[in-house]
Amino acid sequence: MSAEDGIDRLLAAMAHQQQQQQMWEALSLLISSRAQAEGSSVPSFPAFDKTKERWTTYLGRLEQHFEANRVTDSTQKRAYLLSWISSESFELMQKLFGKEALRQQPYECLVTALTDH
């Protein structure tokens, strides 16, 4: 093997090592960002106050809040909605669906019930 062949092999090995390092860094960044997204919490949202805004306005703002914070799962949306609406609205939901059944209702059904009420 000539010195020139040895240098070519060494340069090829170094280029390959550099590519692997870049791939590991990209993978690490991807894993880190995904872990942050999955573990992140959604900022709270103000309670619905019928003296200050209409339900449809509140619902529109809430949907934007969900979109901005990447909340797409119906179960999560239901949990957030029930924890953020006012006590008065929560009690209304309990009357409409029953205390135990309320937890089983899809988000969309809760929204429809409040919109129709």
Protein backbone atom coordinates (compact mmCIF):
# COMPACT_ATOMS: atom_id res chain seq x y z
CA MET A 1 0.00 0.00 0.00
CA SER A 2 1.41 3.35 -0.95
CA ALA A 3 1.47 6.42 1.28
CA GLU A 4 -1.06 8.02 -1.03
CA ASP A 5 -3.49 5.10 -0.58
CA GLY A 6 -3.05 5.31 3.19
CA ILE A 7 -3.87 9.02 3.19
CA ASP A 8 -6.94 8.43 1.01
CA ARG A 9 -8.19 5.72 3.39
CA LEU A 10 -7.52 7.92 6.40
CA LEU A 11 -9.42 10.84 4.84
CA ALA A 12 -12.32 8.54 3.94
CA ALA A 13 -12.43 7.18 7.49
CA MET A 14 -12.40 10.70 8.91
CA ALA A 15 -15.23 11.78 6.59
CA HIS A 16 -17.26 8.73 7.61
CA GLN A 17 -16.65 9.46 11.29
CA GLN A 18 -17.73 13.07 10.79
CA GLN A 19 -20.96 11.93 9.08
CA GLN A 20 -21.70 9.56 11.95
CA GLN A 21 -21.11 12.33 14.48
CA GLN A 22 -23.53 14.61 12.62
CA MET A 23 -26.14 11.86 12.52
CA TRP A 24 -25.80 11.25 16.27
CA GLU A 25 -26.15 14.96 16.99
CA ALA A 26 -29.27 15.21 14.81
CA LEU A 27 -30.78 12.13 16.44
CA SER A 28 -30.00 13.46 19.90
CA LEU A 29 -31.66 16.77 19.06
CA LEU A 30 -34.75 14.99 17.72
CA ILE A 31 -35.07 12.82 20.83
CA SER A 32 -34.59 15.80 23.10
CA SER A 33 -37.22 17.92 21.35
CA ARG A 34 -39.72 15.04 21.31
CA ALA A 35 -39.16 14.39 25.03
CA GLN A 36 -39.74 18.08 25.78
CA ALA A 37 -42.94 18.12 23.73
CA GLU A 38 -44.32 15.01 25.43
CA GLY A 39 -43.39 16.14 28.90
CA SER A 40 -44.43 19.73 28.58
CA SER A 41 -47.46 21.05 30.37
CA VAL A 42 -50.09 23.26 28.86
CA PRO A 43 -50.40 26.73 30.39
CA SER A 44 -53.66 27.26 32.25
CA PHE A 45 -56.60 28.96 30.61
CA PRO A 46 -59.04 31.35 32.30
CA ALA A 47 -62.38 30.02 33.50
CA PHE A 48 -65.49 30.72 31.46
CA ASP A 49 -67.39 33.74 32.80
CA LYS A 50 -70.76 34.22 31.14
CA THR A 51 -70.90 37.83 32.39
CA LYS A 52 -67.80 38.70 30.37
CA GLU A 53 -68.09 36.72 27.13
CA ARG A 54 -70.33 34.42 25.14
CA TRP A 55 -69.70 30.68 25.27
CA THR A 56 -68.89 30.58 21.54
CA THR A 57 -66.22 33.24 22.01
CA TYR A 58 -64.71 31.34 24.93
CA LEU A 59 -64.80 28.11 22.96
CA GLY A 60 -63.06 29.74 20.01
CA ARG A 61 -60.29 31.06 22.25
CA LEU A 62 -59.99 27.68 23.97
CA GLU A 63 -59.60 25.89 20.63
CA GLN A 64 -56.85 28.34 19.67
CA HIS A 65 -55.16 27.69 23.01
CA PHE A 66 -55.27 23.94 22.32
CA GLU A 67 -53.86 24.45 18.83
CA ALA A 68 -51.07 26.73 20.05
CA ASN A 69 -50.08 24.17 22.67
CA ARG A 70 -50.48 21.14 20.40
CA VAL A 71 -53.30 19.56 22.39
CA THR A 72 -55.02 17.26 19.90
CA ASP A 73 -56.12 14.29 21.99
CA SER A 74 -59.84 14.33 22.84
CA THR A 75 -59.24 12.86 26.30
CA GLN A 76 -56.75 15.61 27.15
CA LYS A 77 -59.06 18.27 25.77
CA ARG A 78 -61.89 16.95 27.97
CA ALA A 79 -59.69 16.99 31.07
CA TYR A 80 -58.49 20.53 30.40
CA LEU A 81 -61.99 21.79 29.61
CA LEU A 82 -63.44 20.32 32.79
CA SER A 83 -60.64 21.73 34.90
CA TRP A 84 -60.79 25.20 33.34
CA ILE A 85 -64.50 25.95 32.99
CA SER A 86 -66.16 27.79 35.85
CA SER A 87 -67.65 26.00 38.83
CA GLU A 88 -71.10 26.98 37.61
CA SER A 89 -70.43 25.43 34.18
CA PHE A 90 -68.93 22.30 35.75
CA GLU A 91 -72.03 21.85 37.91
CA LEU A 92 -74.21 22.26 34.83
CA MET A 93 -72.21 19.53 33.08
CA GLN A 94 -72.69 17.25 36.09
CA LYS A 95 -76.44 17.82 35.94
CA LEU A 96 -76.56 17.17 32.20
CA PHE A 97 -74.45 14.00 32.21
CA GLY A 98 -74.30 12.80 35.82
CA LYS A 99 -71.24 13.02 38.02
CA GLU A 100 -69.68 9.69 37.02
CA ALA A 101 -70.75 9.73 33.37
CA LEU A 102 -69.20 13.15 32.89
CA ARG A 103 -65.69 11.64 32.86
CA GLN A 104 -66.68 9.24 30.10
CA GLN A 105 -68.08 11.81 27.69
CA PRO A 106 -66.01 12.72 24.64
CA TYR A 107 -64.80 16.31 24.49
CA GLU A 108 -66.98 17.00 21.46
CA CYS A 109 -70.14 15.92 23.33
CA LEU A 110 -69.33 18.23 26.23
CA VAL A 111 -68.78 21.16 23.89
CA THR A 112 -72.02 20.42 22.03
CA ALA A 113 -73.98 20.17 25.28
CA LEU A 114 -72.70 23.53 26.52
CA THR A 115 -73.22 25.14 23.13
CA ASP A 116 -76.80 23.87 22.90
CA HIS A 117 -77.65 24.85 26.47
